[in-house]
PDB file of all heavy atoms in Angstrom:
ATOM      1  N   VAL A   1      -3.650  21.969  20.492  1.00  0.00           N
ATOM      2  CA  VAL A   1      -4.939  22.437  19.977  1.00  0.00           C
ATOM      3  C   VAL A   1      -5.085  22.051  18.506  1.00  0.00           C
ATOM      4  O   VAL A   1      -6.133  21.560  18.072  1.00  0.00           O
ATOM      5  CB  VAL A   1      -5.087  23.961  20.154  1.00  0.00           C
ATOM      6  CG1 VAL A   1      -6.255  24.490  19.329  1.00  0.00           C
ATOM      7  CG2 VAL A   1      -5.284  24.312  21.622  1.00  0.00           C
ATOM      8  N   TYR A   2      -4.020  22.256  17.738  1.00  0.00           N
ATOM      9  CA  TYR A   2      -4.056  21.904  16.317  1.00  0.00           C
ATOM     10  C   TYR A   2      -4.229  20.398  16.126  1.00  0.00           C
ATOM     11  O   TYR A   2      -5.046  19.948  15.319  1.00  0.00           O
ATOM     12  CB  TYR A   2      -2.759  22.359  15.640  1.00  0.00           C
ATOM     13  CG  TYR A   2      -2.908  23.626  14.853  1.00  0.00           C
ATOM     14  CD1 TYR A   2      -3.101  24.851  15.505  1.00  0.00           C
ATOM     15  CD2 TYR A   2      -2.872  23.625  13.475  1.00  0.00           C
ATOM     16  CE1 TYR A   2      -3.243  26.016  14.793  1.00  0.00           C
ATOM     17  CE2 TYR A   2      -3.018  24.793  12.752  1.00  0.00           C
ATOM     18  CZ  TYR A   2      -3.200  25.989  13.411  1.00  0.00           C
ATOM     19  OH  TYR A   2      -3.364  27.144  12.709  1.00  0.00           O
ATOM     20  N   LEU A   3      -3.437  19.613  16.852  1.00  0.00           N
ATOM     21  CA  LEU A   3      -3.494  18.163  16.695  1.00  0.00           C
ATOM     22  C   LEU A   3      -4.863  17.620  17.098  1.00  0.00           C
ATOM     23  O   LEU A   3      -5.396  16.707  16.459  1.00  0.00           O
ATOM     24  CB  LEU A   3      -2.398  17.501  17.530  1.00  0.00           C
ATOM     25  CG  LEU A   3      -0.966  17.729  17.038  1.00  0.00           C
ATOM     26  CD1 LEU A   3       0.028  17.050  17.982  1.00  0.00           C
ATOM     27  CD2 LEU A   3      -0.773  17.203  15.616  1.00  0.00           C
ATOM     28  N   THR A   4      -5.453  18.193  18.145  1.00  0.00           N
ATOM     29  CA  THR A   4      -6.774  17.760  18.579  1.00  0.00           C
ATOM     30  C   THR A   4      -7.827  18.098  17.523  1.00  0.00           C
ATOM     31  O   THR A   4      -8.716  17.287  17.221  1.00  0.00           O
ATOM     32  CB  THR A   4      -7.147  18.421  19.913  1.00  0.00           C
ATOM     33  OG1 THR A   4      -6.180  18.041  20.909  1.00  0.00           O
ATOM     34  CG2 THR A   4      -8.536  17.999  20.362  1.00  0.00           C
ATOM     35  N   ARG A   5      -7.719  19.296  16.962  1.00  0.00           N
ATOM     36  CA  ARG A   5      -8.684  19.734  15.957  1.00  0.00           C
ATOM     37  C   ARG A   5      -8.697  18.818  14.743  1.00  0.00           C
ATOM     38  O   ARG A   5      -9.754  18.509  14.185  1.00  0.00           O
ATOM     39  CB  ARG A   5      -8.352  21.164  15.521  1.00  0.00           C
ATOM     40  CG  ARG A   5      -9.285  21.728  14.455  1.00  0.00           C
ATOM     41  CD  ARG A   5      -8.878  23.118  14.065  1.00  0.00           C
ATOM     42  NE  ARG A   5      -9.745  23.670  13.040  1.00  0.00           N
ATOM     43  CZ  ARG A   5      -9.531  24.827  12.419  1.00  0.00           C
ATOM     44  NH1 ARG A   5      -8.491  25.570  12.751  1.00  0.00           N
ATOM     45  NH2 ARG A   5     -10.361  25.251  11.490  1.00  0.00           N
ATOM     46  N   TYR A   6      -7.524  18.359  14.339  1.00  0.00           N
ATOM     47  CA  TYR A   6      -7.425  17.546  13.125  1.00  0.00           C
ATOM     48  C   TYR A   6      -7.208  16.064  13.420  1.00  0.00           C
ATOM     49  O   TYR A   6      -6.888  15.295  12.512  1.00  0.00           O
ATOM     50  CB  TYR A   6      -6.295  18.071  12.240  1.00  0.00           C
ATOM     51  CG  TYR A   6      -6.586  19.452  11.687  1.00  0.00           C
ATOM     52  CD1 TYR A   6      -5.965  20.581  12.213  1.00  0.00           C
ATOM     53  CD2 TYR A   6      -7.508  19.626  10.660  1.00  0.00           C
ATOM     54  CE1 TYR A   6      -6.255  21.852  11.722  1.00  0.00           C
ATOM     55  CE2 TYR A   6      -7.801  20.886  10.167  1.00  0.00           C
ATOM     56  CZ  TYR A   6      -7.166  21.990  10.701  1.00  0.00           C
ATOM     57  OH  TYR A   6      -7.463  23.244  10.217  1.00  0.00           O
ATOM     58  N   SER A   7      -7.403  15.677  14.660  1.00  0.00           N
ATOM     59  CA  SER A   7      -7.147  14.295  15.056  1.00  0.00           C
ATOM     60  C   SER A   7      -7.907  13.269  14.217  1.00  0.00           C
ATOM     61  O   SER A   7      -7.318  12.268  13.777  1.00  0.00           O
ATOM     62  CB  SER A   7      -7.486  14.115  16.538  1.00  0.00           C
ATOM     63  OG  SER A   7      -7.328  12.772  16.932  1.00  0.00           O
ATOM     64  N   PRO A   8      -9.216  13.457  13.937  1.00  0.00           N
ATOM     65  CA  PRO A   8      -9.915  12.453  13.116  1.00  0.00           C
ATOM     66  C   PRO A   8      -9.313  12.306  11.719  1.00  0.00           C
ATOM     67  O   PRO A   8      -9.196  11.185  11.199  1.00  0.00           O
ATOM     68  CB  PRO A   8     -11.350  12.998  13.051  1.00  0.00           C
ATOM     69  CG  PRO A   8     -11.491  13.854  14.269  1.00  0.00           C
ATOM     70  CD  PRO A   8     -10.143  14.490  14.447  1.00  0.00           C
ATOM     71  N   SER A   9      -8.907  13.431  11.107  1.00  0.00           N
ATOM     72  CA  SER A   9      -8.314  13.381   9.766  1.00  0.00           C
ATOM     73  C   SER A   9      -6.962  12.676   9.802  1.00  0.00           C
ATOM     74  O   SER A   9      -6.652  11.846   8.936  1.00  0.00           O
ATOM     75  CB  SER A   9      -8.146  14.799   9.210  1.00  0.00           C
ATOM     76  OG  SER A   9      -9.391  15.450   9.100  1.00  0.00           O
ATOM     77  N   ILE A  10      -6.144  12.996  10.816  1.00  0.00           N
ATOM     78  CA  ILE A  10      -4.830  12.370  10.949  1.00  0.00           C
ATOM     79  C   ILE A  10      -4.976  10.872  11.165  1.00  0.00           C
ATOM     80  O   ILE A  10      -4.271  10.061  10.545  1.00  0.00           O
ATOM     81  CB  ILE A  10      -4.048  13.016  12.115  1.00  0.00           C
ATOM     82  CG1 ILE A  10      -3.722  14.476  11.792  1.00  0.00           C
ATOM     83  CG2 ILE A  10      -2.770  12.235  12.399  1.00  0.00           C
ATOM     84  CD1 ILE A  10      -3.168  15.263  12.966  1.00  0.00           C
ATOM     85  N   SER A  11      -5.909  10.489  12.030  1.00  0.00           N
ATOM     86  CA  SER A  11      -6.115   9.069  12.317  1.00  0.00           C
ATOM     87  C   SER A  11      -6.622   8.324  11.087  1.00  0.00           C
ATOM     88  O   SER A  11      -6.244   7.166  10.849  1.00  0.00           O
ATOM     89  CB  SER A  11      -7.104   8.906  13.473  1.00  0.00           C
ATOM     90  OG  SER A  11      -6.584   9.485  14.663  1.00  0.00           O
ATOM     91  N   LEU A  12      -7.471   8.971  10.298  1.00  0.00           N
ATOM     92  CA  LEU A  12      -7.971   8.346   9.070  1.00  0.00           C
ATOM     93  C   LEU A  12      -6.828   8.086   8.099  1.00  0.00           C
ATOM     94  O   LEU A  12      -6.720   6.996   7.524  1.00  0.00           O
ATOM     95  CB  LEU A  12      -9.023   9.241   8.413  1.00  0.00           C
ATOM     96  CG  LEU A  12      -9.565   8.779   7.052  1.00  0.00           C
ATOM     97  CD1 LEU A  12     -10.239   7.415   7.174  1.00  0.00           C
ATOM     98  CD2 LEU A  12     -10.525   9.817   6.484  1.00  0.00           C
ATOM     99  N   ILE A  13      -5.969   9.071   7.921  1.00  0.00           N
ATOM    100  CA  ILE A  13      -4.830   8.896   7.023  1.00  0.00           C
ATOM    101  C   ILE A  13      -3.911   7.797   7.531  1.00  0.00           C
ATOM    102  O   ILE A  13      -3.448   6.945   6.760  1.00  0.00           O
ATOM    103  CB  ILE A  13      -4.058  10.216   6.867  1.00  0.00           C
ATOM    104  CG1 ILE A  13      -4.935  11.269   6.178  1.00  0.00           C
ATOM    105  CG2 ILE A  13      -2.768   9.995   6.065  1.00  0.00           C
ATOM    106  CD1 ILE A  13      -4.335  12.649   6.138  1.00  0.00           C
ATOM    107  N   ASP A  14      -3.627   7.782   8.835  1.00  0.00           N
ATOM    108  CA  ASP A  14      -2.765   6.752   9.409  1.00  0.00           C
ATOM    109  C   ASP A  14      -3.351   5.360   9.181  1.00  0.00           C
ATOM    110  O   ASP A  14      -2.631   4.405   8.877  1.00  0.00           O
ATOM    111  CB  ASP A  14      -2.577   6.999  10.909  1.00  0.00           C
ATOM    112  CG  ASP A  14      -1.625   8.146  11.202  1.00  0.00           C
ATOM    113  OD1 ASP A  14      -0.866   8.526  10.288  1.00  0.00           O
ATOM    114  OD2 ASP A  14      -1.635   8.662  12.337  1.00  0.00           O
ATOM    115  N   GLU A  15      -4.675   5.235   9.317  1.00  0.00           N
ATOM    116  CA  GLU A  15      -5.329   3.946   9.111  1.00  0.00           C
ATOM    117  C   GLU A  15      -5.185   3.497   7.660  1.00  0.00           C
ATOM    118  O   GLU A  15      -4.911   2.323   7.382  1.00  0.00           O
ATOM    119  CB  GLU A  15      -6.811   4.057   9.479  1.00  0.00           C
ATOM    120  CG  GLU A  15      -7.624   2.806   9.226  1.00  0.00           C
ATOM    121  CD  GLU A  15      -7.279   1.674  10.170  1.00  0.00           C
ATOM    122  OE1 GLU A  15      -6.666   1.938  11.230  1.00  0.00           O
ATOM    123  OE2 GLU A  15      -7.612   0.515   9.844  1.00  0.00           O
ATOM    124  N   ILE A  16      -5.336   4.424   6.736  1.00  0.00           N
ATOM    125  CA  ILE A  16      -5.219   4.091   5.313  1.00  0.00           C
ATOM    126  C   ILE A  16      -3.795   3.669   4.966  1.00  0.00           C
ATOM    127  O   ILE A  16      -3.571   2.672   4.271  1.00  0.00           O
ATOM    128  CB  ILE A  16      -5.656   5.285   4.449  1.00  0.00           C
ATOM    129  CG1 ILE A  16      -7.182   5.461   4.556  1.00  0.00           C
ATOM    130  CG2 ILE A  16      -5.250   5.103   2.990  1.00  0.00           C
ATOM    131  CD1 ILE A  16      -7.703   6.719   3.913  1.00  0.00           C
ATOM    132  N   VAL A  17      -2.823   4.422   5.471  1.00  0.00           N
ATOM    133  CA  VAL A  17      -1.423   4.097   5.195  1.00  0.00           C
ATOM    134  C   VAL A  17      -1.065   2.736   5.785  1.00  0.00           C
ATOM    135  O   VAL A  17      -0.342   1.941   5.168  1.00  0.00           O
ATOM    136  CB  VAL A  17      -0.495   5.197   5.752  1.00  0.00           C
ATOM    137  CG1 VAL A  17       0.968   4.764   5.676  1.00  0.00           C
ATOM    138  CG2 VAL A  17      -0.694   6.493   4.980  1.00  0.00           C
ATOM    139  N   SER A  18      -1.588   2.431   6.966  1.00  0.00           N
ATOM    140  CA  SER A  18      -1.265   1.156   7.606  1.00  0.00           C
ATOM    141  C   SER A  18      -1.802  -0.033   6.822  1.00  0.00           C
ATOM    142  O   SER A  18      -1.267  -1.135   6.907  1.00  0.00           O
ATOM    143  CB  SER A  18      -1.818   1.136   9.038  1.00  0.00           C
ATOM    144  OG  SER A  18      -3.234   1.044   9.038  1.00  0.00           O
ATOM    145  N   GLN A  19      -2.854   0.187   6.033  1.00  0.00           N
ATOM    146  CA  GLN A  19      -3.463  -0.913   5.288  1.00  0.00           C
ATOM    147  C   GLN A  19      -2.636  -1.350   4.090  1.00  0.00           C
ATOM    148  O   GLN A  19      -2.874  -2.410   3.539  1.00  0.00           O
ATOM    149  CB  GLN A  19      -4.856  -0.510   4.797  1.00  0.00           C
ATOM    150  CG  GLN A  19      -5.891  -0.432   5.887  1.00  0.00           C
ATOM    151  CD  GLN A  19      -7.290  -0.264   5.314  1.00  0.00           C
ATOM    152  OE1 GLN A  19      -7.479  -0.318   4.098  1.00  0.00           O
ATOM    153  NE2 GLN A  19      -8.255  -0.068   6.173  1.00  0.00           N
ATOM    154  N   ARG A  20      -1.683  -0.534   3.697  1.00  0.00           N
ATOM    155  CA  ARG A  20      -0.930  -0.875   2.481  1.00  0.00           C
ATOM    156  C   ARG A  20      -0.113  -2.152   2.644  1.00  0.00           C
ATOM    157  O   ARG A  20       0.302  -2.758   1.669  1.00  0.00           O
ATOM    158  CB  ARG A  20      -0.007   0.281   2.100  1.00  0.00           C
ATOM    159  CG  ARG A  20       1.150   0.480   3.056  1.00  0.00           C
ATOM    160  CD  ARG A  20       2.112   1.532   2.532  1.00  0.00           C
ATOM    161  NE  ARG A  20       3.218   1.685   3.466  1.00  0.00           N
ATOM    162  CZ  ARG A  20       3.611   2.834   3.966  1.00  0.00           C
ATOM    163  NH1 ARG A  20       2.976   3.934   3.630  1.00  0.00           N
ATOM    164  NH2 ARG A  20       4.635   2.901   4.794  1.00  0.00           N
ATOM    165  N   HIS A  21       0.132  -2.554   3.902  1.00  0.00           N
ATOM    166  CA  HIS A  21       0.925  -3.758   4.153  1.00  0.00           C
ATOM    167  C   HIS A  21       0.067  -5.018   4.135  1.00  0.00           C
ATOM    168  O   HIS A  21       0.589  -6.121   4.176  1.00  0.00           O
ATOM    169  CB  HIS A  21       1.640  -3.638   5.505  1.00  0.00           C
ATOM    170  CG  HIS A  21       2.569  -2.458   5.577  1.00  0.00           C
ATOM    171  ND1 HIS A  21       3.645  -2.309   4.745  1.00  0.00           N
ATOM    172  CD2 HIS A  21       2.544  -1.357   6.390  1.00  0.00           C
ATOM    173  CE1 HIS A  21       4.275  -1.179   5.031  1.00  0.00           C
ATOM    174  NE2 HIS A  21       3.627  -0.580   6.017  1.00  0.00           N
ATOM    175  N   GLY A  22      -1.247  -4.863   4.087  1.00  0.00           N
ATOM    176  CA  GLY A  22      -2.129  -6.015   4.051  1.00  0.00           C
ATOM    177  C   GLY A  22      -3.024  -5.973   2.850  1.00  0.00           C
ATOM    178  O   GLY A  22      -2.614  -5.591   1.747  1.00  0.00           O
ATOM    179  N   ASN A  23      -4.266  -6.358   3.042  1.00  0.00           N
ATOM    180  CA  ASN A  23      -5.263  -6.297   1.971  1.00  0.00           C
ATOM    181  C   ASN A  23      -6.208  -5.142   2.272  1.00  0.00           C
ATOM    182  O   ASN A  23      -7.091  -5.282   3.126  1.00  0.00           O
ATOM    183  CB  ASN A  23      -6.045  -7.615   1.886  1.00  0.00           C
ATOM    184  CG  ASN A  23      -5.161  -8.782   1.472  1.00  0.00           C
ATOM    185  OD1 ASN A  23      -4.372  -8.640   0.548  1.00  0.00           O
ATOM    186  ND2 ASN A  23      -5.306  -9.905   2.150  1.00  0.00           N
ATOM    187  N   PRO A  24      -6.030  -4.006   1.616  1.00  0.00           N
ATOM    188  CA  PRO A  24      -6.861  -2.835   1.910  1.00  0.00           C
ATOM    189  C   PRO A  24      -8.343  -3.124   1.754  1.00  0.00           C
ATOM    190  O   PRO A  24      -8.754  -3.854   0.851  1.00  0.00           O
ATOM    191  CB  PRO A  24      -6.387  -1.801   0.877  1.00  0.00           C
ATOM    192  CG  PRO A  24      -5.029  -2.262   0.467  1.00  0.00           C
ATOM    193  CD  PRO A  24      -5.074  -3.754   0.532  1.00  0.00           C
ATOM    194  N   ALA A  25      -9.144  -2.549   2.650  1.00  0.00           N
ATOM    195  CA  ALA A  25     -10.592  -2.721   2.566  1.00  0.00           C
ATOM    196  C   ALA A  25     -11.162  -1.946   1.389  1.00  0.00           C
ATOM    197  O   ALA A  25     -12.223  -2.276   0.883  1.00  0.00           O
ATOM    198  CB  ALA A  25     -11.249  -2.263   3.869  1.00  0.00           C
ATOM    199  N   CYS A  26     -10.447  -0.901   0.953  1.00  0.00           N
ATOM    200  CA  CYS A  26     -10.936  -0.035  -0.114  1.00  0.00           C
ATOM    201  C   CYS A  26      -9.751   0.393  -0.974  1.00  0.00           C
ATOM    202  O   CYS A  26      -8.610   0.155  -0.646  1.00  0.00           O
ATOM    203  CB  CYS A  26     -11.590   1.225   0.463  1.00  0.00           C
ATOM    204  SG  CYS A  26     -12.788   0.952   1.756  1.00  0.00           S
ATOM    205  N   ALA A  27     -10.077   1.062  -2.065  1.00  0.00           N
ATOM    206  CA  ALA A  27      -9.057   1.777  -2.826  1.00  0.00           C
ATOM    207  C   ALA A  27      -9.243   3.262  -2.509  1.00  0.00           C
ATOM    208  O   ALA A  27     -10.368   3.730  -2.351  1.00  0.00           O
ATOM    209  CB  ALA A  27      -9.219   1.517  -4.324  1.00  0.00           C
ATOM    210  N   TYR A  28      -8.145   3.999  -2.413  1.00  0.00           N
ATOM    211  CA  TYR A  28      -8.200   5.381  -1.953  1.00  0.00           C
ATOM    212  C   TYR A  28      -7.609   6.315  -2.998  1.00  0.00           C
ATOM    213  O   TYR A  28      -6.536   6.061  -3.528  1.00  0.00           O
ATOM    214  CB  TYR A  28      -7.424   5.529  -0.640  1.00  0.00           C
ATOM    215  CG  TYR A  28      -7.825   4.515   0.396  1.00  0.00           C
ATOM    216  CD1 TYR A  28      -7.090   3.348   0.567  1.00  0.00           C
ATOM    217  CD2 TYR A  28      -8.954   4.721   1.171  1.00  0.00           C
ATOM    218  CE1 TYR A  28      -7.470   2.409   1.496  1.00  0.00           C
ATOM    219  CE2 TYR A  28      -9.332   3.785   2.116  1.00  0.00           C
ATOM    220  CZ  TYR A  28      -8.595   2.629   2.276  1.00  0.00           C
ATOM    221  OH  TYR A  28      -8.974   1.702   3.193  1.00  0.00           O
ATOM    222  N   TYR A  29      -8.309   7.405  -3.265  1.00  0.00           N
ATOM    223  CA  TYR A  29      -7.872   8.372  -4.257  1.00  0.00           C
ATOM    224  C   TYR A  29      -7.826   9.773  -3.665  1.00  0.00           C
ATOM    225  O   TYR A  29      -8.615  10.107  -2.787  1.00  0.00           O
ATOM    226  CB  TYR A  29      -8.829   8.391  -5.459  1.00  0.00           C
ATOM    227  CG  TYR A  29      -8.843   7.120  -6.263  1.00  0.00           C
ATOM    228  CD1 TYR A  29      -9.834   6.165  -6.057  1.00  0.00           C
ATOM    229  CD2 TYR A  29      -7.874   6.876  -7.217  1.00  0.00           C
ATOM    230  CE1 TYR A  29      -9.853   4.999  -6.800  1.00  0.00           C
ATOM    231  CE2 TYR A  29      -7.890   5.709  -7.964  1.00  0.00           C
ATOM    232  CZ  TYR A  29      -8.876   4.773  -7.748  1.00  0.00           C
ATOM    233  OH  TYR A  29      -8.884   3.620  -8.477  1.00  0.00           O
ATOM    234  N   ILE A  30      -6.920  10.570  -4.165  1.00  0.00           N
ATOM    235  CA  ILE A  30      -6.871  11.982  -3.807  1.00  0.00           C
ATOM    236  C   ILE A  30      -6.631  12.801  -5.068  1.00  0.00           C
ATOM    237  O   ILE A  30      -5.887  12.382  -5.956  1.00  0.00           O
ATOM    238  CB  ILE A  30      -5.783  12.279  -2.752  1.00  0.00           C
ATOM    239  CG1 ILE A  30      -5.904  13.722  -2.261  1.00  0.00           C
ATOM    240  CG2 ILE A  30      -4.397  11.985  -3.279  1.00  0.00           C
ATOM    241  CD1 ILE A  30      -5.126  14.001  -0.996  1.00  0.00           C
TER     242      ILE A  30
END
């Protein structure tokens, strides 16, 4: 239930982290 609720946020973070090995489409700040 928890993982489903936050799935879009988790997937977004995973996508951003995966980009570090290539040429990121954006710069990301927190």
